[in-house]
Amino acid sequence: MSTISREKSQQQLLAILAVRPANAAELMKRLDISQASLSRLLTSLGNSVLTIGKARSTIYARPRNIRGLGHEFPVCQVDKDGNARIAGKLYSVWESSYFWEPAEDGPPVLYRDLPWFIRDICPEGFVGRAFAHRQHQDLNLPPRLIDWNNDHMLIALSYRGEDCMGNLILGHESITRYFEAVASPKQIIDLSERASEYPRLAERAIAGDPAGSSAGGEQPKFTAIINDGDIHHVLVKFSPGMDTEEGQRWADLLICESIASEIIAASGIRAAESMILQAGDRTFLEVRRFDRIGLSGRLPMNSLGAVDNEFVGQGSNWVTMANRLEAERLLSPGEGSAIRWLSLFGDLIGNTDQHFGNISLIPAGLSHKRFSLAPAYDMLPMLYRPKEGRGPKPEFTPRRTPAALEWTSALDAALRFWGQVVKDSRISEEFRRTCSGNIETLRALQGGPRLVSLSEGAEPVPGQRSR
């Protein structure tokens, strides 16, 4: 092959890969060359072409370097003992795509956006915005999180991603920072110190410097490590000062969230352990993190939204999502029933914020399409959250849903929830009066025909053989 012919073939191959990655068969067909000629051509291009995978799974792509980081990003998983292992590598390629090459057996996977499990650890919410405000100058990124694109997210994760939710760490520097952090002394708060430390950490969070990882959600929060005889990582939400109507209402709601967690756990569904602390004119809800074990151990977790985006694409509501995950055998029937129960219970306690970030799943592994339900969290009557201005009083109008097997249990649990709320002296009298009528509203939904399981003694469904 002449020099001119080789240069032309090189340009043609790079032009093909600038549109999308391709395998050997496609390149040979598009260039009308043999396997031997393709091998020589690829060798001549050197680092201009990226080879991903092995044997028949081999894919060729044009690497796309991201500012100062190159195009290859190791991704580590931290285990329950704090040890990290390489889970795979993420490659940025033309045109604005990404290849995931798992360390385990399995072919590389092309993503047109950030892989779902990487998107899930990107900064978001209250803490994410504070992170952007605090780090944008050092990382040369836009000051507002809303203006960040995928490259900005990768830069942030690569340089400051050592303490994300879940157990993934991306990039050489963040992995190095993780091991440095593990070896460094930690601020561990004893139970007796929470009343003084939590108000201080709340002030830092409001000032734009929340402690800890990039937890999602809009409620102001910080993370901490506490010692109650054992070491625990906690996520702490807090109210504004309770000398304002807004602060008092958020204090009431945080107490409601703690009560809801107790009711959920008592109903047989795992819920994040929580407790209430009132100090410094604020109410704090301390929630034990289920993605952390001991001082350095971590566990995987994914938001329901990330799983939906990758495997289902439904994007509607918790019940529909549970049904689809069951149908696709990504979730066991028992786990799906728990999600349906949580949705019904949420409706019956006025939780109008049932978005896909408020349920998490525990993956069997990055290469396994199987999940279990993580402990429930963020369950509270958001119907009554403070709103700007003085609008009409929100109406509590839950629907009767007797066609769901979980209906009776969820209704009974919701009645217990409202019963505890109206008796809890930590909650303001005004809010307890508001909630007292909800008990009668739910009692009116009791009774009448409902869907029952065969184990409850109902007659077999017509056409169904008895066993």
Protein backbone atom coordinates (compact mmCIF):
# COMPACT_ATOMS: atom_id res chain seq x y z
CA MET A 1 0.00 0.00 0.00
CA SER A 2 1.45 3.38 -1.01
CA THR A 3 1.92 6.16 1.51
CA ILE A 4 -0.88 8.20 -0.10
CA SER A 5 -3.22 5.22 -0.12
CA ARG A 6 -2.42 4.42 3.52
CA GLU A 7 -3.04 8.02 4.60
CA LYS A 8 -6.35 8.01 2.76
CA SER A 9 -7.38 4.74 4.45
CA GLN A 10 -6.34 6.14 7.82
CA GLN A 11 -8.49 9.23 7.27
CA GLN A 12 -11.43 7.09 6.17
CA LEU A 13 -11.16 4.81 9.20
CA LEU A 14 -10.91 7.74 11.61
CA ALA A 15 -13.91 9.36 9.91
CA ILE A 16 -15.95 6.19 10.45
CA LEU A 17 -14.97 5.99 14.10
CA ALA A 18 -15.69 9.70 14.58
CA VAL A 19 -19.37 8.84 14.04
CA ARG A 20 -19.51 5.72 16.19
CA PRO A 21 -17.37 2.75 17.27
CA ALA A 22 -17.24 -0.32 15.04
CA ASN A 23 -16.05 -3.92 15.03
CA ALA A 24 -13.56 -5.45 12.59
CA ALA A 25 -16.20 -6.87 10.25
CA GLU A 26 -17.87 -3.48 9.81
CA LEU A 27 -14.56 -1.70 9.23
CA MET A 28 -13.43 -4.26 6.63
CA LYS A 29 -16.73 -3.90 4.81
CA ARG A 30 -16.77 -0.10 4.90
CA LEU A 31 -13.12 0.19 3.81
CA ASP A 32 -13.27 -2.80 1.44
CA ILE A 33 -10.07 -4.30 2.84
CA SER A 34 -8.95 -7.67 4.23
CA GLN A 35 -8.37 -8.63 7.84
CA ALA A 36 -4.61 -8.43 7.33
CA SER A 37 -4.88 -4.96 5.80
CA LEU A 38 -7.10 -3.78 8.64
CA SER A 39 -4.59 -5.06 11.21
CA ARG A 40 -1.76 -3.16 9.51
CA LEU A 41 -3.90 -0.04 9.25
CA LEU A 42 -4.83 -0.14 12.93
CA THR A 43 -1.19 -0.65 13.90
CA SER A 44 -0.17 2.35 11.83
CA LEU A 45 -2.69 4.55 13.66
CA GLY A 46 -1.28 3.65 17.08
CA ASN A 47 -2.98 5.52 19.94
CA SER A 48 -5.39 7.26 17.57
CA VAL A 49 -7.60 4.16 17.76
CA LEU A 50 -8.77 2.51 20.95
CA THR A 51 -9.14 -1.28 21.08
CA ILE A 52 -11.72 -2.44 23.63
CA GLY A 53 -12.58 -6.04 24.46
CA LYS A 54 -11.13 -9.31 23.29
CA ALA A 55 -11.58 -11.79 20.43
CA ARG A 56 -15.04 -11.53 18.83
CA SER A 57 -16.09 -8.86 21.35
CA THR A 58 -13.34 -6.48 20.19
CA ILE A 59 -14.57 -3.00 19.33
CA TYR A 60 -12.57 -0.11 17.83
CA ALA A 61 -13.23 3.50 18.74
CA ARG A 62 -11.69 6.95 18.55
CA PRO A 63 -10.60 8.03 22.01
CA ARG A 64 -11.93 11.38 23.18
CA ASN A 65 -9.65 12.99 25.72
CA ILE A 66 -11.26 14.91 28.54
CA ARG A 67 -9.36 17.92 29.79
CA GLY A 68 -6.14 16.77 31.42
CA LEU A 69 -7.54 13.33 32.21
CA GLY A 70 -7.14 11.40 28.99
CA HIS A 71 -9.84 8.99 27.91
CA GLU A 72 -9.48 6.03 30.31
CA PHE A 73 -11.06 6.04 33.77
CA PRO A 74 -10.66 3.13 36.20
CA VAL A 75 -13.73 2.44 38.32
CA CYS A 76 -13.26 0.82 41.73
CA GLN A 77 -15.70 -0.87 44.08
CA VAL A 78 -15.07 -0.59 47.82
CA ASP A 79 -16.07 -3.67 49.81
CA LYS A 80 -17.43 -4.01 53.35
CA ASP A 81 -13.90 -4.02 54.76
CA GLY A 82 -12.82 -0.86 52.95
CA ASN A 83 -10.71 -2.65 50.33
CA ALA A 84 -11.01 -1.45 46.74
CA ARG A 85 -10.86 -3.52 43.58
CA ILE A 86 -11.03 -2.54 39.93
CA ALA A 87 -14.56 -3.19 38.67
CA GLY A 88 -13.81 -2.08 35.13
CA LYS A 89 -12.73 0.82 32.98
CA LEU A 90 -14.75 3.61 31.42
CA TYR A 91 -13.54 5.07 28.12
CA SER A 92 -14.68 8.36 26.62
CA VAL A 93 -14.92 8.01 22.84
CA TRP A 94 -16.19 9.91 19.84
CA GLU A 95 -18.94 11.06 19.38
CA SER A 96 -19.77 11.96 23.01
CA SER A 97 -20.16 8.28 23.89
CA TYR A 98 -18.67 6.01 26.53
CA PHE A 99 -17.48 2.42 26.57
CA TRP A 100 -17.71 0.35 29.72
CA GLU A 101 -15.28 -2.58 29.86
CA PRO A 102 -16.01 -4.76 32.91
CA ALA A 103 -13.14 -6.43 34.70
CA GLU A 104 -15.30 -9.53 35.01
CA ASP A 105 -16.23 -11.71 32.07
CA GLY A 106 -18.51 -9.91 29.68
CA PRO A 107 -18.33 -7.86 26.49
CA PRO A 108 -17.75 -4.10 26.50
CA VAL A 109 -20.91 -2.00 26.45
CA LEU A 110 -21.39 1.23 24.50
CA TYR A 111 -23.37 4.01 26.21
CA ARG A 112 -24.57 7.13 24.42
CA ASP A 113 -24.68 8.87 27.80
CA LEU A 114 -22.81 8.28 31.03
CA PRO A 115 -23.45 4.69 32.17
CA TRP A 116 -26.40 4.49 34.53
CA PHE A 117 -24.26 3.45 37.51
CA ILE A 118 -21.90 6.41 36.94
CA ARG A 119 -24.75 8.88 36.42
CA ASP A 120 -26.11 7.70 39.77
CA ILE A 121 -23.03 8.94 41.69
CA CYS A 122 -22.88 12.37 40.04
CA PRO A 123 -23.40 15.39 42.33
CA GLU A 124 -27.05 16.45 42.66
CA GLY A 125 -29.48 18.18 44.95
CA PHE A 126 -28.63 20.41 47.91
CA VAL A 127 -25.23 18.88 48.58
CA GLY A 128 -24.39 18.69 44.87
CA ARG A 129 -25.05 22.39 44.40
CA ALA A 130 -22.92 23.18 47.43
CA PHE A 131 -20.17 20.93 46.06
CA ALA A 132 -20.20 22.83 42.75
CA HIS A 133 -20.12 26.16 44.56
CA ARG A 134 -17.21 25.03 46.72
CA GLN A 135 -15.09 23.18 44.13
CA HIS A 136 -15.72 24.88 40.79
CA GLN A 137 -12.73 27.23 40.97
CA ASP A 138 -10.20 24.50 41.85
CA LEU A 139 -11.59 22.25 39.12
CA ASN A 140 -12.19 25.05 36.59
CA LEU A 141 -15.87 24.15 36.24
CA PRO A 142 -19.02 26.30 35.95
CA PRO A 143 -20.13 27.59 39.36
CA ARG A 144 -23.72 26.33 38.93
CA LEU A 145 -24.37 22.59 38.96
CA ILE A 146 -27.22 23.02 36.49
CA ASP A 147 -24.68 24.14 33.87
CA TRP A 148 -22.51 21.02 34.15
CA ASN A 149 -22.35 18.57 31.23
CA ASN A 150 -21.12 14.97 31.23
CA ASP A 151 -17.48 15.99 30.88
CA HIS A 152 -17.81 18.30 33.88
CA MET A 153 -19.27 15.43 35.89
CA LEU A 154 -16.38 13.13 34.95
CA ILE A 155 -13.86 15.80 35.89
CA ALA A 156 -15.50 16.27 39.28
CA LEU A 157 -15.78 12.54 39.93
CA SER A 158 -12.18 11.94 38.83
CA TYR A 159 -10.69 14.62 41.09
CA ARG A 160 -13.11 14.76 44.05
CA GLY A 161 -15.20 11.58 43.85
CA GLU A 162 -13.76 9.64 46.76
CA ASP A 163 -16.90 9.84 48.94
CA CYS A 164 -19.92 9.34 46.69
CA MET A 165 -23.07 7.51 47.71
CA GLY A 166 -22.76 3.76 47.22
CA ASN A 167 -19.41 2.03 46.78
CA LEU A 168 -18.04 3.25 43.43
CA ILE A 169 -15.01 5.50 42.96
CA LEU A 170 -13.98 6.77 39.51
CA GLY A 171 -10.56 8.01 38.43
CA HIS A 172 -6.95 7.63 39.59
CA GLU A 173 -6.89 10.75 41.78
CA SER A 174 -10.15 10.01 43.56
CA ILE A 175 -8.99 6.47 44.29
CA THR A 176 -5.75 7.87 45.70
CA ARG A 177 -7.71 10.41 47.76
CA TYR A 178 -9.87 7.58 49.11
CA PHE A 179 -6.87 5.67 50.46
CA GLU A 180 -5.42 8.87 51.89
CA ALA A 181 -8.73 9.58 53.63
CA VAL A 182 -8.90 6.05 55.03
CA ALA A 183 -5.43 6.49 56.53
CA SER A 184 -6.22 9.93 57.97
CA PRO A 185 -7.85 10.61 61.37
CA LYS A 186 -11.64 10.98 61.19
CA GLN A 187 -13.90 13.32 63.08
CA ILE A 188 -16.01 10.88 65.06
CA ILE A 189 -18.83 12.39 67.07
CA ASP A 190 -19.75 10.80 70.39
CA LEU A 191 -23.43 10.73 71.34
CA SER A 192 -22.82 13.38 73.99
CA GLU A 193 -21.33 15.74 71.39
CA ARG A 194 -24.19 15.71 68.88
CA ALA A 195 -26.10 18.55 70.54
CA SER A 196 -23.13 20.88 70.03
CA GLU A 197 -21.70 19.47 66.78
CA TYR A 198 -24.87 19.14 64.72
CA PRO A 199 -25.81 22.85 64.94
CA ARG A 200 -22.26 23.74 63.88
CA LEU A 201 -22.35 21.34 60.93
CA ALA A 202 -25.77 22.69 59.94
CA GLU A 203 -24.40 26.24 59.82
CA ARG A 204 -21.54 25.02 57.62
CA ALA A 205 -24.01 23.30 55.28
CA ILE A 206 -26.14 26.43 54.96
CA ALA A 207 -22.98 28.41 54.19
CA GLY A 208 -22.27 26.08 51.26
CA ASP A 209 -19.83 23.65 52.84
CA PRO A 210 -21.82 20.56 53.84
CA ALA A 211 -19.72 17.83 55.37
CA GLY A 212 -19.46 14.45 53.69
CA SER A 213 -20.61 12.83 50.50
CA SER A 214 -22.71 14.07 47.59
CA ALA A 215 -26.05 12.84 48.90
CA GLY A 216 -28.96 13.72 46.65
CA GLY A 217 -32.23 15.43 47.54
CA GLU A 218 -33.25 19.02 48.15
CA GLN A 219 -33.56 18.97 51.95
CA PRO A 220 -30.55 20.61 53.67
CA LYS A 221 -28.31 17.91 55.09
CA PHE A 222 -24.82 16.81 56.01
CA THR A 223 -23.14 13.50 56.78
CA ALA A 224 -21.27 12.51 59.90
CA ILE A 225 -19.65 9.58 61.69
CA ILE A 226 -20.96 8.79 65.15
CA ASN A 227 -19.84 6.53 67.97
CA ASP A 228 -22.57 4.91 70.04
CA GLY A 229 -20.38 2.00 71.07
CA ASP A 230 -20.09 1.09 67.40
CA ILE A 231 -19.06 3.32 64.52
CA HIS A 232 -21.86 4.42 62.15
CA HIS A 233 -22.06 6.76 59.19
CA VAL A 234 -25.20 8.89 59.29
CA LEU A 235 -27.04 11.33 57.05
CA VAL A 236 -28.48 14.26 59.00
CA LYS A 237 -31.34 16.44 57.75
CA PHE A 238 -32.18 19.58 59.68
CA SER A 239 -34.89 22.19 59.91
CA PRO A 240 -34.52 25.96 59.75
CA GLY A 241 -34.73 27.72 63.11
CA MET A 242 -37.94 26.71 64.86
CA ASP A 243 -38.72 30.32 65.75
CA THR A 244 -40.24 30.66 62.26
CA GLU A 245 -43.38 29.03 60.84
CA GLU A 246 -41.31 27.37 58.11
CA GLY A 247 -38.79 26.04 60.61
CA GLN A 248 -41.50 24.67 62.90
CA ARG A 249 -43.25 22.93 60.02
CA TRP A 250 -40.04 21.30 58.78
CA ALA A 251 -39.32 20.21 62.35
CA ASP A 252 -42.78 18.59 62.48
CA LEU A 253 -42.17 16.83 59.17
CA LEU A 254 -38.77 15.47 60.18
CA ILE A 255 -40.34 13.97 63.30
CA CYS A 256 -43.05 12.50 61.06
CA GLU A 257 -40.35 10.93 58.90
CA SER A 258 -38.83 9.25 61.94
CA ILE A 259 -42.25 7.92 62.99
CA ALA A 260 -42.92 6.64 59.46
CA SER A 261 -39.63 4.70 59.47
CA GLU A 262 -40.63 3.02 62.74
CA ILE A 263 -44.05 2.09 61.33
CA ILE A 264 -42.55 0.71 58.10
CA ALA A 265 -40.07 -1.45 60.02
CA ALA A 266 -42.81 -2.71 62.34
CA SER A 267 -44.81 -3.70 59.24
CA GLY A 268 -42.05 -6.05 58.08
CA ILE A 269 -40.31 -3.86 55.51
CA ARG A 270 -36.75 -2.74 56.09
CA ALA A 271 -36.39 0.96 56.85
CA ALA A 272 -33.36 3.11 57.55
CA GLU A 273 -32.84 3.51 61.30
CA SER A 274 -33.39 7.09 62.45
CA MET A 275 -33.63 9.28 65.51
CA ILE A 276 -34.60 12.87 66.32
CA LEU A 277 -32.40 15.42 68.07
CA GLN A 278 -33.49 18.96 68.91
CA ALA A 279 -30.60 21.34 69.55
CA GLY A 280 -29.61 24.91 68.75
CA ASP A 281 -33.19 25.87 67.82
CA ARG A 282 -33.24 23.26 65.07
CA THR A 283 -34.64 19.76 64.73
CA PHE A 284 -32.26 17.15 63.33
CA LEU A 285 -33.21 13.83 61.78
CA GLU A 286 -30.28 11.45 61.96
CA VAL A 287 -30.58 8.53 59.52
CA ARG A 288 -28.15 5.64 59.59
CA ARG A 289 -26.62 5.09 56.16
CA PHE A 290 -27.02 1.63 54.64
CA ASP A 291 -24.24 2.16 52.06
CA ARG A 292 -21.56 2.36 54.79
CA ILE A 293 -20.28 -0.31 57.20
CA GLY A 294 -18.05 0.52 60.14
CA LEU A 295 -15.38 3.13 59.60
CA SER A 296 -14.36 2.41 55.98
CA GLY A 297 -16.62 -0.32 54.58
CA ARG A 298 -19.13 0.40 51.82
CA LEU A 299 -22.07 -1.28 50.11
CA PRO A 300 -23.49 -0.76 46.61
CA MET A 301 -26.75 1.06 45.97
CA ASN A 302 -28.59 2.48 42.96
CA SER A 303 -31.55 4.82 42.78
CA LEU A 304 -34.77 3.50 41.30
CA GLY A 305 -34.43 6.25 38.70
CA ALA A 306 -31.06 4.96 37.47
CA VAL A 307 -32.40 1.41 37.19
CA ASP A 308 -35.48 2.67 35.36
CA ASN A 309 -33.43 4.68 32.87
CA GLU A 310 -31.24 1.70 31.99
CA PHE A 311 -33.53 -1.32 32.14
CA VAL A 312 -37.16 -0.18 31.95
CA GLY A 313 -37.59 3.36 30.69
CA GLN A 314 -41.06 3.66 32.22
CA GLY A 315 -40.54 6.75 34.34
CA SER A 316 -44.08 6.80 35.73
CA ASN A 317 -44.62 5.76 39.36
CA TRP A 318 -43.41 3.31 41.98
CA VAL A 319 -46.17 0.75 41.42
CA THR A 320 -45.75 0.59 37.65
CA MET A 321 -42.00 0.36 38.11
CA ALA A 322 -42.32 -2.48 40.64
CA ASN A 323 -44.58 -4.38 38.27
CA ARG A 324 -42.19 -3.95 35.36
CA LEU A 325 -39.15 -4.96 37.40
CA GLU A 326 -40.99 -8.10 38.49
CA ALA A 327 -42.02 -8.87 34.91
CA GLU A 328 -38.42 -8.47 33.73
CA ARG A 329 -37.27 -10.64 36.67
CA LEU A 330 -34.98 -7.89 37.88
CA LEU A 331 -36.74 -7.95 41.25
CA SER A 332 -38.35 -10.77 43.22
CA PRO A 333 -42.16 -10.72 43.74
CA GLY A 334 -41.65 -10.11 47.46
CA GLU A 335 -39.51 -7.04 46.78
CA GLY A 336 -42.04 -5.77 44.24
CA SER A 337 -44.83 -6.17 46.79
CA ALA A 338 -42.81 -4.12 49.29
CA ILE A 339 -42.49 -1.25 46.79
CA ARG A 340 -46.24 -1.35 46.10
CA TRP A 341 -46.87 -1.31 49.85
CA LEU A 342 -44.60 1.70 50.27
CA SER A 343 -46.44 3.54 47.51
CA LEU A 344 -49.84 2.87 49.10
CA PHE A 345 -48.56 3.78 52.57
CA GLY A 346 -47.05 6.97 51.13
CA ASP A 347 -50.39 7.93 49.55
CA LEU A 348 -52.15 7.33 52.85
CA ILE A 349 -49.78 9.53 54.85
CA GLY A 350 -49.70 12.38 52.33
CA ASN A 351 -46.28 11.66 50.77
CA THR A 352 -46.65 13.58 47.52
CA ASP A 353 -42.93 13.30 46.75
CA GLN A 354 -42.69 9.72 45.50
CA HIS A 355 -40.02 10.33 42.89
CA PHE A 356 -37.50 7.76 41.70
CA GLY A 357 -34.70 9.14 43.87
CA ASN A 358 -36.61 8.24 47.03
CA ILE A 359 -36.28 4.48 46.60
CA SER A 360 -32.96 2.69 46.26
CA LEU A 361 -32.09 -0.81 45.12
CA ILE A 362 -29.08 -2.96 45.95
CA PRO A 363 -27.48 -4.46 42.83
CA ALA A 364 -26.17 -8.02 42.74
CA GLY A 365 -23.25 -6.58 40.74
CA LEU A 366 -22.46 -4.17 37.92
CA SER A 367 -22.78 -6.98 35.37
CA HIS A 368 -25.83 -8.66 36.97
CA LYS A 369 -29.35 -7.50 36.16
CA ARG A 370 -30.76 -8.38 39.57
CA PHE A 371 -31.68 -6.12 42.46
CA SER A 372 -33.07 -6.20 45.98
CA LEU A 373 -34.86 -3.41 47.81
CA ALA A 374 -32.75 -1.18 50.04
CA PRO A 375 -34.15 0.06 53.38
CA ALA A 376 -36.91 2.64 52.95
CA TYR A 377 -36.18 6.31 53.57
CA ASP A 378 -37.55 9.81 52.84
CA MET A 379 -41.11 8.75 53.73
CA LEU A 380 -42.98 11.73 55.20
CA PRO A 381 -46.17 13.76 54.58
CA MET A 382 -44.75 16.20 52.03
CA LEU A 383 -48.32 17.34 51.32
CA TYR A 384 -47.80 19.69 54.28
CA ARG A 385 -44.36 21.03 53.39
CA PRO A 386 -44.02 24.81 53.69
CA LYS A 387 -44.76 26.76 50.53
CA GLU A 388 -43.96 30.31 49.57
CA GLY A 389 -46.85 32.64 50.21
CA ARG A 390 -50.10 31.67 51.88
CA GLY A 391 -52.05 29.44 49.56
CA PRO A 392 -55.09 27.35 50.42
CA LYS A 393 -54.72 24.71 53.12
CA PRO A 394 -53.72 21.41 51.45
CA GLU A 395 -56.48 18.80 51.31
CA PHE A 396 -55.77 15.24 52.37
CA THR A 397 -57.77 13.13 49.90
CA PRO A 398 -56.25 9.64 49.64
CA ARG A 399 -57.82 7.17 47.23
CA ARG A 400 -59.26 3.82 48.27
CA THR A 401 -57.30 1.11 46.44
CA PRO A 402 -58.88 -2.22 47.40
CA ALA A 403 -57.64 -3.95 44.21
CA ALA A 404 -54.12 -4.09 45.64
CA LEU A 405 -53.19 -7.03 47.86
CA GLU A 406 -51.12 -4.67 49.99
CA TRP A 407 -54.05 -2.30 50.62
CA THR A 408 -55.29 -3.47 54.02
CA SER A 409 -51.82 -3.70 55.57
CA ALA A 410 -50.81 -0.28 54.25
CA LEU A 411 -54.07 1.29 55.50
CA ASP A 412 -53.63 -0.20 58.97
CA ALA A 413 -50.03 1.09 59.09
CA ALA A 414 -51.12 4.57 57.97
CA LEU A 415 -53.73 4.69 60.74
CA ARG A 416 -51.03 3.81 63.28
CA PHE A 417 -48.81 6.52 61.77
CA TRP A 418 -51.38 9.31 62.14
CA GLY A 419 -52.28 8.02 65.61
CA GLN A 420 -48.67 8.39 66.74
CA VAL A 421 -48.31 11.80 65.07
CA VAL A 422 -51.25 13.37 66.92
CA LYS A 423 -49.94 12.02 70.25
CA ASP A 424 -46.30 13.09 69.82
CA SER A 425 -45.61 16.08 72.07
CA ARG A 426 -42.53 17.02 70.03
CA ILE A 427 -44.85 18.02 67.18
CA SER A 428 -46.51 21.43 67.29
CA GLU A 429 -50.11 21.60 68.48
CA GLU A 430 -51.17 23.31 65.27
CA PHE A 431 -49.85 20.50 63.09
CA ARG A 432 -51.31 17.83 65.37
CA ARG A 433 -54.72 19.47 64.99
CA THR A 434 -54.27 19.52 61.22
CA CYS A 435 -53.43 15.82 61.23
CA SER A 436 -56.13 14.67 63.65
CA GLY A 437 -58.79 14.74 60.94
CA ASN A 438 -56.72 12.42 58.78
CA ILE A 439 -57.50 9.51 61.08
CA GLU A 440 -61.23 9.82 60.38
CA THR A 441 -60.51 10.24 56.68
CA LEU A 442 -58.68 6.91 56.64
CA ARG A 443 -61.26 5.14 58.79
CA ALA A 444 -63.84 6.02 56.15
CA LEU A 445 -61.78 4.00 53.67
CA GLN A 446 -61.93 0.83 55.76
CA GLY A 447 -64.35 -1.97 55.09
CA GLY A 448 -65.97 -3.09 51.87
CA PRO A 449 -64.81 -5.74 49.42
CA ARG A 450 -61.11 -5.95 48.68
CA LEU A 451 -58.63 -8.17 46.89
CA VAL A 452 -57.44 -11.01 49.11
CA SER A 453 -54.89 -13.77 48.64
CA LEU A 454 -55.83 -17.45 48.59
CA SER A 455 -54.01 -17.85 51.90
CA GLU A 456 -56.66 -15.63 53.52
CA GLY A 457 -59.32 -18.25 52.82
CA ALA A 458 -60.95 -16.79 49.74
CA GLU A 459 -62.56 -19.01 47.13
CA PRO A 460 -60.28 -20.00 44.21
CA VAL A 461 -60.33 -17.66 41.24
CA PRO A 462 -62.87 -18.95 38.65
CA GLY A 463 -61.16 -21.15 36.12
CA GLN A 464 -58.20 -21.83 38.42
CA ARG A 465 -57.64 -25.42 39.48
CA SER A 466 -57.26 -26.17 43.14
CA ARG A 467 -54.17 -28.11 44.16
